[in-house]
Amino acid sequence: MHVVMFGDQHVESLGGAQVSMRLQRRFLERAGHTVTIVAPKMHGPRAGADDAALALSERQRVEPYVDMPSIPITPDREYSLSWPGRRTDRFVDDALASRPPVDVVHVQADFWGAFIGHRFAARHGLPVVHTMHNRVDVGIEATAPFPRMVMRFLNRWQRRALREVAGPVEPRRDGWSYLRRFAGRSDAVTAPSSHFGRRLEQHGAVAGRGLPTVDVVWNGIDDDVLDAALAAGPAVRAPGKPRFVWLGRMSPEKRLLPFLEAIAASGVDADVEIIGGGGQEKAARRLVEKLGLTDSVSFSGRLPYAETLRRIAAADAVVQTSIGFETQGMTVFEAASLGTPAIVSDPDIGAELGSGYWQVADGSVGALASTLRTAAEQIVAGTGVSPDPSIRERFRQSSRSAAMADIYARVSA
């Protein structure tokens, strides 16, 4: 079948949703499907060039991308906006007219990409699968100034962009009403975790034209990259003090600074590696110096994905510190797939893992410090926890793409 995916950002820009879409395309194409990704044109260098998938698409003689006209919206010009409206509609229709007939539209966007995708599906009478990647209310609260004003604007913009698309009338202007409008226009709604799926169901953000439930399909890990990381990983733990890894975007909702405070408060003798970058990097480096942690905490910056997995495999634990923000929490699943346990602050993410992690009692620095001490003591004693071995196979992208293909077949039928 021919699946057309719509995203807010080009899939070769940085971001978890973009990584997931690249992987989905690659493994759906391996299974014999055709995938076209419609997203705003990039204005900066591409960060995630997917040569293997591009080569496969070229063999199938199908260009995988439709790059919509866009304007850059960030100083580094990496992220862009395409305005939803009739001009963009015409561009998308013209770009897809010469391609194979479309069987299903898969919206993997929260903003303009979602508006454009739903408008395309409505014009052509196509079924829609909408993957909810983002808990919009929490995300905007954590990242935007004047979040209530932003949410009101988004709801107004959404109602205007989707007024030609049949669906429920939703007068409210909060984050859940925003997601319900998309869900009501969809034949299936999917979520990357059980806990986010439950929240969507509790707030009525379920398919308006399909099953009144949410299909849970994890974002997965590339089978080939996982196998390579497992083959290169250590057979036994290397001697030395406990090794903790924190990785992610350095922004307030990720709670890097409280983690550094907890390291100092715990008094553990451990090596701590920080992987990633972001707006709080300078503040984090200053805090490390202020707390006297320069001998134990190192900053590695942004690393290639394969190297990041190698660092995770060599660690004794990955530390997850955000609470209530993540809709899945990819890092702990990547760690579990590699046999590395996690220290988990978010109880929803811990429940999703099932076993093989240390749960932090609450969101305080003291609770995190206590859990760090417990984990360090058990690691040194050789009595640490082990991840659920079934996650490795359940997290492979080949299995996730097969599950998504089943949903495509259901809504197309």
Protein backbone atom coordinates (compact mmCIF):
# COMPACT_ATOMS: atom_id res chain seq x y z
CA MET A 1 0.00 0.00 0.00
CA HIS A 2 0.98 3.66 -0.37
CA VAL A 3 1.16 5.48 2.96
CA VAL A 4 1.52 9.27 3.06
CA MET A 5 2.87 10.61 6.35
CA PHE A 6 2.54 14.25 7.41
CA GLY A 7 4.95 15.82 9.90
CA ASP A 8 5.48 19.22 11.47
CA GLN A 9 9.20 19.10 10.66
CA HIS A 10 11.34 17.53 7.99
CA VAL A 11 12.38 14.06 9.15
CA GLU A 12 16.06 14.84 8.70
CA SER A 13 15.90 17.54 11.36
CA LEU A 14 16.58 16.75 15.01
CA GLY A 15 13.77 15.36 17.14
CA GLY A 16 12.26 12.13 18.48
CA ALA A 17 9.21 12.16 16.20
CA GLN A 18 11.46 12.72 13.18
CA VAL A 19 13.70 9.78 14.13
CA SER A 20 10.63 7.60 14.57
CA MET A 21 9.21 8.56 11.17
CA ARG A 22 12.52 7.84 9.43
CA LEU A 23 12.60 4.39 10.98
CA GLN A 24 8.97 3.68 10.17
CA ARG A 25 9.53 4.58 6.54
CA ARG A 26 12.60 2.39 6.25
CA PHE A 27 10.94 -0.71 7.68
CA LEU A 28 7.64 -0.23 5.88
CA GLU A 29 9.59 -0.01 2.62
CA ARG A 30 11.47 -3.17 3.53
CA ALA A 31 8.09 -4.85 3.90
CA GLY A 32 7.16 -3.78 0.37
CA HIS A 33 5.06 -0.68 1.04
CA THR A 34 5.53 2.76 -0.50
CA VAL A 35 5.94 5.68 1.90
CA THR A 36 5.88 9.40 1.11
CA ILE A 37 6.63 11.92 3.85
CA VAL A 38 5.15 15.41 3.50
CA ALA A 39 6.79 18.05 5.70
CA PRO A 40 8.14 21.61 5.59
CA LYS A 41 11.28 22.16 3.54
CA MET A 42 14.44 22.53 5.61
CA HIS A 43 16.51 25.71 5.39
CA GLY A 44 19.53 24.47 7.36
CA PRO A 45 21.81 21.42 7.06
CA ARG A 46 20.15 18.06 7.33
CA ALA A 47 21.01 16.38 10.63
CA GLY A 48 19.69 12.88 10.10
CA ALA A 49 20.47 11.83 6.53
CA ASP A 50 18.97 8.38 6.06
CA ASP A 51 21.07 7.00 3.21
CA ALA A 52 19.84 3.41 3.50
CA ALA A 53 16.18 4.38 3.25
CA LEU A 54 16.86 6.88 0.45
CA ALA A 55 18.68 4.19 -1.52
CA LEU A 56 15.75 1.80 -1.05
CA SER A 57 13.30 4.46 -2.20
CA GLU A 58 15.44 5.16 -5.27
CA ARG A 59 15.41 1.47 -6.17
CA GLN A 60 11.64 1.64 -5.98
CA ARG A 61 11.83 4.81 -8.12
CA VAL A 62 9.81 6.80 -5.59
CA GLU A 63 11.18 10.02 -4.10
CA PRO A 64 10.38 9.63 -0.38
CA TYR A 65 9.89 13.32 0.43
CA VAL A 66 7.50 16.07 -0.52
CA ASP A 67 9.10 19.25 0.83
CA MET A 68 6.44 21.91 1.22
CA PRO A 69 7.20 25.63 0.86
CA SER A 70 8.15 26.90 4.30
CA ILE A 71 9.70 29.63 6.37
CA PRO A 72 12.39 29.04 9.05
CA ILE A 73 11.18 29.63 12.60
CA THR A 74 14.33 29.08 14.69
CA PRO A 75 17.61 31.06 14.70
CA ASP A 76 19.58 28.04 13.47
CA ARG A 77 17.07 27.62 10.59
CA GLU A 78 16.64 23.93 11.38
CA TYR A 79 12.89 24.07 12.03
CA SER A 80 10.33 25.45 9.60
CA LEU A 81 6.64 26.26 9.27
CA SER A 82 4.37 25.56 6.31
CA TRP A 83 1.17 27.59 6.38
CA PRO A 84 -1.99 25.47 6.08
CA GLY A 85 -4.29 26.88 3.43
CA ARG A 86 -5.43 26.53 -0.15
CA ARG A 87 -2.05 27.37 -1.66
CA THR A 88 -0.36 24.61 0.34
CA ASP A 89 -3.26 22.27 -0.45
CA ARG A 90 -2.69 22.79 -4.17
CA PHE A 91 1.06 22.23 -3.79
CA VAL A 92 0.53 18.92 -1.95
CA ASP A 93 -2.13 17.73 -4.41
CA ASP A 94 0.12 18.51 -7.38
CA ALA A 95 3.14 16.82 -5.78
CA LEU A 96 1.22 13.61 -5.05
CA ALA A 97 -0.77 13.49 -8.30
CA SER A 98 1.96 11.65 -10.21
CA ARG A 99 2.59 9.09 -7.46
CA PRO A 100 0.79 5.80 -6.85
CA PRO A 101 -2.76 6.11 -5.47
CA VAL A 102 -2.73 6.82 -1.75
CA ASP A 103 -4.25 4.16 0.53
CA VAL A 104 -3.93 5.79 3.94
CA VAL A 105 -2.86 9.10 5.46
CA HIS A 106 -0.74 8.85 8.62
CA VAL A 107 -0.61 12.14 10.52
CA GLN A 108 2.36 12.31 12.89
CA ALA A 109 2.18 15.99 13.71
CA ASP A 110 0.69 18.27 16.34
CA PHE A 111 0.44 21.62 14.57
CA TRP A 112 0.58 22.79 10.92
CA GLY A 113 1.56 19.34 9.64
CA ALA A 114 -1.56 17.91 11.26
CA PHE A 115 -3.79 20.63 9.80
CA ILE A 116 -2.38 20.03 6.31
CA GLY A 117 -2.62 16.24 6.60
CA HIS A 118 -6.23 16.20 7.73
CA ARG A 119 -7.18 18.67 5.00
CA PHE A 120 -5.53 16.42 2.37
CA ALA A 121 -7.31 13.30 3.64
CA ALA A 122 -10.70 15.07 3.69
CA ARG A 123 -10.28 16.37 0.13
CA HIS A 124 -9.54 12.90 -1.19
CA GLY A 125 -11.80 10.81 1.04
CA LEU A 126 -8.89 8.87 2.56
CA PRO A 127 -8.71 7.10 5.93
CA VAL A 128 -6.56 8.77 8.59
CA VAL A 129 -4.34 7.26 11.26
CA HIS A 130 -3.24 9.94 13.72
CA THR A 131 -0.31 9.23 16.03
CA MET A 132 -0.32 11.47 19.09
CA HIS A 133 3.36 12.11 19.86
CA ASN A 134 2.92 15.06 22.18
CA ARG A 135 0.94 15.85 25.30
CA VAL A 136 0.32 19.35 24.01
CA ASP A 137 -0.78 21.00 27.27
CA VAL A 138 2.26 19.85 29.24
CA GLY A 139 4.65 20.60 26.39
CA ILE A 140 3.45 24.16 25.94
CA GLU A 141 3.37 24.76 29.70
CA ALA A 142 7.01 23.67 29.90
CA THR A 143 8.39 25.44 26.86
CA ALA A 144 6.30 28.51 25.97
CA PRO A 145 5.84 31.87 27.67
CA PHE A 146 2.18 32.69 28.45
CA PRO A 147 1.05 29.09 27.81
CA ARG A 148 -2.69 29.78 28.21
CA MET A 149 -2.52 32.45 25.54
CA VAL A 150 -0.57 30.10 23.27
CA MET A 151 -3.15 27.34 23.81
CA ARG A 152 -6.03 29.66 22.99
CA PHE A 153 -4.26 30.74 19.80
CA LEU A 154 -3.60 27.12 18.77
CA ASN A 155 -7.22 26.13 19.30
CA ARG A 156 -8.43 29.10 17.27
CA TRP A 157 -5.93 28.36 14.49
CA GLN A 158 -6.93 24.69 14.48
CA ARG A 159 -10.65 25.43 14.24
CA ARG A 160 -10.01 27.77 11.33
CA ALA A 161 -7.69 25.36 9.49
CA LEU A 162 -10.05 22.39 9.92
CA ARG A 163 -13.37 24.12 9.31
CA GLU A 164 -13.62 22.35 5.93
CA VAL A 165 -12.98 18.96 7.57
CA ALA A 166 -15.97 17.17 9.08
CA GLY A 167 -15.62 16.38 12.76
CA PRO A 168 -16.90 17.16 16.26
CA VAL A 169 -17.62 20.70 17.39
CA GLU A 170 -15.41 21.37 20.41
CA PRO A 171 -15.90 24.75 22.08
CA ARG A 172 -13.22 24.35 24.75
CA ARG A 173 -9.72 25.75 24.30
CA ASP A 174 -7.45 23.50 26.40
CA GLY A 175 -4.89 20.91 25.30
CA TRP A 176 -7.26 17.95 25.44
CA SER A 177 -9.94 19.64 23.33
CA TYR A 178 -7.22 20.38 20.80
CA LEU A 179 -6.29 16.68 20.61
CA ARG A 180 -9.96 15.61 20.55
CA ARG A 181 -10.56 17.61 17.36
CA PHE A 182 -7.85 15.67 15.57
CA ALA A 183 -9.03 12.35 16.99
CA GLY A 184 -12.63 12.98 15.97
CA ARG A 185 -11.51 13.33 12.34
CA SER A 186 -9.45 10.11 12.42
CA ASP A 187 -10.17 6.45 11.68
CA ALA A 188 -7.56 5.31 14.21
CA VAL A 189 -5.59 7.05 16.96
CA THR A 190 -2.29 5.60 18.11
CA ALA A 191 -0.03 6.44 21.04
CA PRO A 192 3.59 5.43 21.72
CA SER A 193 2.88 4.15 25.24
CA SER A 194 0.10 2.57 27.28
CA HIS A 195 0.07 5.38 29.84
CA PHE A 196 -0.37 8.09 27.20
CA GLY A 197 -2.98 5.96 25.44
CA ARG A 198 -4.95 5.67 28.70
CA ARG A 199 -4.85 9.44 29.18
CA LEU A 200 -6.09 10.02 25.65
CA GLU A 201 -8.98 7.62 26.24
CA GLN A 202 -9.84 9.19 29.60
CA HIS A 203 -10.11 12.59 27.91
CA GLY A 204 -12.09 11.33 24.92
CA ALA A 205 -9.31 11.73 22.36
CA VAL A 206 -10.27 8.55 20.50
CA ALA A 207 -11.04 7.92 16.85
CA GLY A 208 -14.28 9.51 15.73
CA ARG A 209 -14.63 7.24 12.70
CA GLY A 210 -13.14 4.01 14.05
CA LEU A 211 -12.69 2.03 17.24
CA PRO A 212 -13.37 4.14 20.36
CA THR A 213 -9.98 3.18 21.78
CA VAL A 214 -6.34 4.12 21.26
CA ASP A 215 -3.95 1.66 19.60
CA VAL A 216 -0.63 1.52 21.47
CA VAL A 217 2.36 1.16 19.15
CA TRP A 218 5.75 1.90 20.68
CA ASN A 219 8.32 3.95 18.80
CA GLY A 220 11.03 1.39 18.13
CA ILE A 221 14.75 1.01 17.62
CA ASP A 222 16.42 0.18 14.32
CA ASP A 223 16.94 -3.61 14.21
CA ASP A 224 20.31 -3.29 12.48
CA VAL A 225 21.63 -0.62 14.83
CA LEU A 226 20.46 -2.63 17.84
CA ASP A 227 22.16 -5.80 16.62
CA ALA A 228 25.39 -3.91 15.96
CA ALA A 229 25.30 -2.29 19.41
CA LEU A 230 24.65 -5.65 21.07
CA ALA A 231 27.53 -7.25 19.15
CA ALA A 232 29.91 -4.45 20.12
CA GLY A 233 28.74 -4.18 23.72
CA PRO A 234 30.67 -5.49 26.73
CA ALA A 235 30.10 -9.15 27.62
CA VAL A 236 30.65 -8.43 31.31
CA ARG A 237 30.71 -5.28 33.37
CA ALA A 238 34.04 -3.48 33.29
CA PRO A 239 35.52 -2.91 36.76
CA GLY A 240 35.35 0.50 38.34
CA LYS A 241 32.98 2.86 40.08
CA PRO A 242 29.29 3.00 39.02
CA ARG A 243 28.69 4.63 35.64
CA PHE A 244 25.53 6.69 35.17
CA VAL A 245 24.40 8.24 31.89
CA TRP A 246 21.90 11.08 31.49
CA LEU A 247 20.91 11.94 27.92
CA GLY A 248 18.45 14.22 26.25
CA ARG A 249 17.58 17.80 25.47
CA MET A 250 18.86 20.22 28.13
CA SER A 251 15.63 22.09 28.81
CA PRO A 252 13.68 22.65 32.06
CA GLU A 253 11.11 19.88 31.59
CA LYS A 254 13.91 17.30 31.34
CA ARG A 255 15.10 18.24 34.88
CA LEU A 256 18.85 18.04 34.29
CA LEU A 257 19.66 20.64 36.96
CA PRO A 258 17.76 18.77 39.73
CA PHE A 259 19.63 15.64 38.67
CA LEU A 260 22.99 17.37 39.15
CA GLU A 261 21.83 18.62 42.55
CA ALA A 262 20.83 15.07 43.45
CA ILE A 263 24.25 13.74 42.44
CA ALA A 264 25.86 16.21 44.84
CA ALA A 265 23.35 15.47 47.61
CA SER A 266 23.74 11.70 47.24
CA GLY A 267 27.48 11.70 47.87
CA VAL A 268 27.91 8.73 45.51
CA ASP A 269 31.36 8.02 44.10
CA ALA A 270 30.35 7.53 40.47
CA ASP A 271 31.22 8.57 36.94
CA VAL A 272 28.37 10.56 35.40
CA GLU A 273 28.17 11.28 31.66
CA ILE A 274 25.82 13.91 30.25
CA ILE A 275 24.95 13.42 26.56
CA GLY A 276 23.03 16.01 24.57
CA GLY A 277 22.69 19.76 24.32
CA GLY A 278 20.21 22.55 24.70
CA GLY A 279 19.38 25.83 26.34
CA GLN A 280 20.38 24.81 29.87
CA GLU A 281 23.85 23.53 28.98
CA LYS A 282 25.67 26.63 30.27
CA ALA A 283 23.63 26.62 33.45
CA ALA A 284 24.38 22.92 33.93
CA ARG A 285 28.12 23.43 33.48
CA ARG A 286 28.09 26.31 35.97
CA LEU A 287 26.17 24.20 38.47
CA VAL A 288 28.67 21.35 38.14
CA GLU A 289 31.48 23.74 39.03
CA LYS A 290 29.52 25.30 41.87
CA LEU A 291 28.71 21.88 43.37
CA GLY A 292 32.29 20.63 43.03
CA LEU A 293 31.38 17.82 40.62
CA THR A 294 33.93 18.49 37.89
CA ASP A 295 35.87 15.30 38.68
CA SER A 296 32.82 13.04 38.39
CA VAL A 297 30.51 14.71 35.82
CA SER A 298 31.49 15.01 32.15
CA PHE A 299 29.67 16.61 29.22
CA SER A 300 29.92 14.73 25.92
CA GLY A 301 27.67 16.95 23.81
CA ARG A 302 25.57 15.58 20.97
CA LEU A 303 26.82 12.22 19.74
CA PRO A 304 25.95 10.09 16.70
CA TYR A 305 23.14 7.67 17.48
CA ALA A 306 25.29 4.53 17.23
CA GLU A 307 27.87 6.03 19.60
CA THR A 308 25.14 7.05 22.03
CA LEU A 309 23.90 3.46 22.12
CA ARG A 310 27.45 2.26 22.74
CA ARG A 311 27.72 4.59 25.74
CA ILE A 312 24.37 3.35 27.06
CA ALA A 313 25.45 -0.28 26.70
CA ALA A 314 28.65 0.43 28.65
CA ALA A 315 26.83 2.23 31.47
CA ASP A 316 25.50 0.70 34.66
CA ALA A 317 22.30 2.74 34.53
CA VAL A 318 20.54 5.38 32.45
CA VAL A 319 18.95 8.13 34.53
CA GLN A 320 15.50 9.39 33.45
CA THR A 321 14.44 12.55 35.27
CA SER A 322 11.47 14.22 33.52
CA ILE A 323 8.05 13.74 35.12
CA GLY A 324 4.69 13.87 33.33
CA PHE A 325 6.19 15.25 30.11
CA GLU A 326 7.19 12.19 28.09
CA THR A 327 4.62 10.29 26.05
CA GLN A 328 6.99 7.30 25.89
CA GLY A 329 10.50 7.90 27.18
CA MET A 330 12.69 6.39 24.47
CA THR A 331 15.99 6.38 26.34
CA VAL A 332 14.95 3.83 28.96
CA PHE A 333 13.60 1.49 26.28
CA GLU A 334 16.83 1.80 24.31
CA ALA A 335 18.73 1.04 27.51
CA ALA A 336 16.56 -1.98 28.34
CA SER A 337 17.04 -3.33 24.82
CA LEU A 338 20.79 -3.17 25.41
CA GLY A 339 20.55 -4.79 28.85
CA THR A 340 21.15 -1.57 30.81
CA PRO A 341 18.73 -0.80 33.67
CA ALA A 342 17.34 2.66 34.41
CA ILE A 343 16.74 4.99 37.32
CA VAL A 344 13.23 6.25 36.60
CA SER A 345 11.60 9.40 37.98
CA ASP A 346 8.31 9.15 36.07
CA PRO A 347 6.15 6.33 37.50
CA ASP A 348 4.22 6.01 34.23
CA ILE A 349 7.43 5.23 32.35
CA GLY A 350 8.44 2.76 35.05
CA ALA A 351 5.13 0.95 34.74
CA GLU A 352 5.63 0.74 30.98
CA LEU A 353 9.03 -0.91 31.48
CA GLY A 354 7.51 -3.46 33.83
CA SER A 355 10.68 -4.49 35.67
CA GLY A 356 14.42 -3.96 35.81
CA TYR A 357 14.58 -0.37 37.06
CA TRP A 358 14.96 1.69 40.21
CA GLN A 359 11.88 3.85 40.84
CA VAL A 360 12.36 7.30 42.40
CA ALA A 361 9.75 7.83 45.14
CA ASP A 362 8.75 11.38 44.14
CA GLY A 363 9.93 14.47 42.28
CA SER A 364 12.19 15.85 45.01
CA VAL A 365 15.96 16.12 44.80
CA GLY A 366 16.20 14.14 48.04
CA ALA A 367 14.24 11.19 46.64
CA LEU A 368 16.39 11.10 43.52
CA ALA A 369 19.57 11.29 45.64
CA SER A 370 18.36 8.38 47.75
CA THR A 371 17.65 6.26 44.68
CA LEU A 372 21.06 7.09 43.22
CA ARG A 373 22.69 5.87 46.44
CA THR A 374 20.67 2.64 46.39
CA ALA A 375 21.50 1.96 42.76
CA ALA A 376 25.21 2.70 43.27
CA GLU A 377 25.40 0.39 46.28
CA GLN A 378 23.71 -2.46 44.44
CA ILE A 379 25.86 -1.98 41.33
CA VAL A 380 29.05 -2.16 43.38
CA ALA A 381 27.74 -5.23 45.25
CA GLY A 382 26.77 -6.94 41.99
CA THR A 383 23.10 -7.11 43.00
CA GLY A 384 21.67 -4.55 40.59
CA VAL A 385 18.42 -5.02 38.71
CA SER A 386 18.14 -6.44 35.18
CA PRO A 387 15.76 -5.22 32.45
CA ASP A 388 12.90 -7.35 31.14
CA PRO A 389 14.54 -9.36 28.31
CA SER A 390 11.32 -9.38 26.25
CA ILE A 391 11.61 -5.61 25.65
CA ARG A 392 14.49 -6.20 23.25
CA GLU A 393 12.28 -8.01 20.75
CA ARG A 394 9.13 -5.98 21.39
CA PHE A 395 11.05 -2.73 20.82
CA ARG A 396 12.50 -3.68 17.42
CA GLN A 397 11.25 -1.40 14.66
CA SER A 398 10.39 -4.36 12.43
CA SER A 399 7.76 -5.49 14.94
CA ARG A 400 6.48 -1.94 15.46
CA SER A 401 6.09 -1.34 11.72
CA ALA A 402 4.27 -4.65 11.34
CA ALA A 403 1.84 -3.58 14.07
CA MET A 404 1.27 -0.25 12.34
CA ALA A 405 0.73 -1.96 8.97
CA ASP A 406 -2.05 -4.00 10.58
CA ILE A 407 -3.75 -0.75 11.61
CA TYR A 408 -3.37 0.64 8.07
CA ALA A 409 -5.03 -2.48 6.70
CA ARG A 410 -7.88 -2.20 9.21
CA VAL A 411 -8.73 1.42 8.44
CA SER A 412 -8.32 0.91 4.68
CA ALA A 413 -10.75 -2.00 4.76
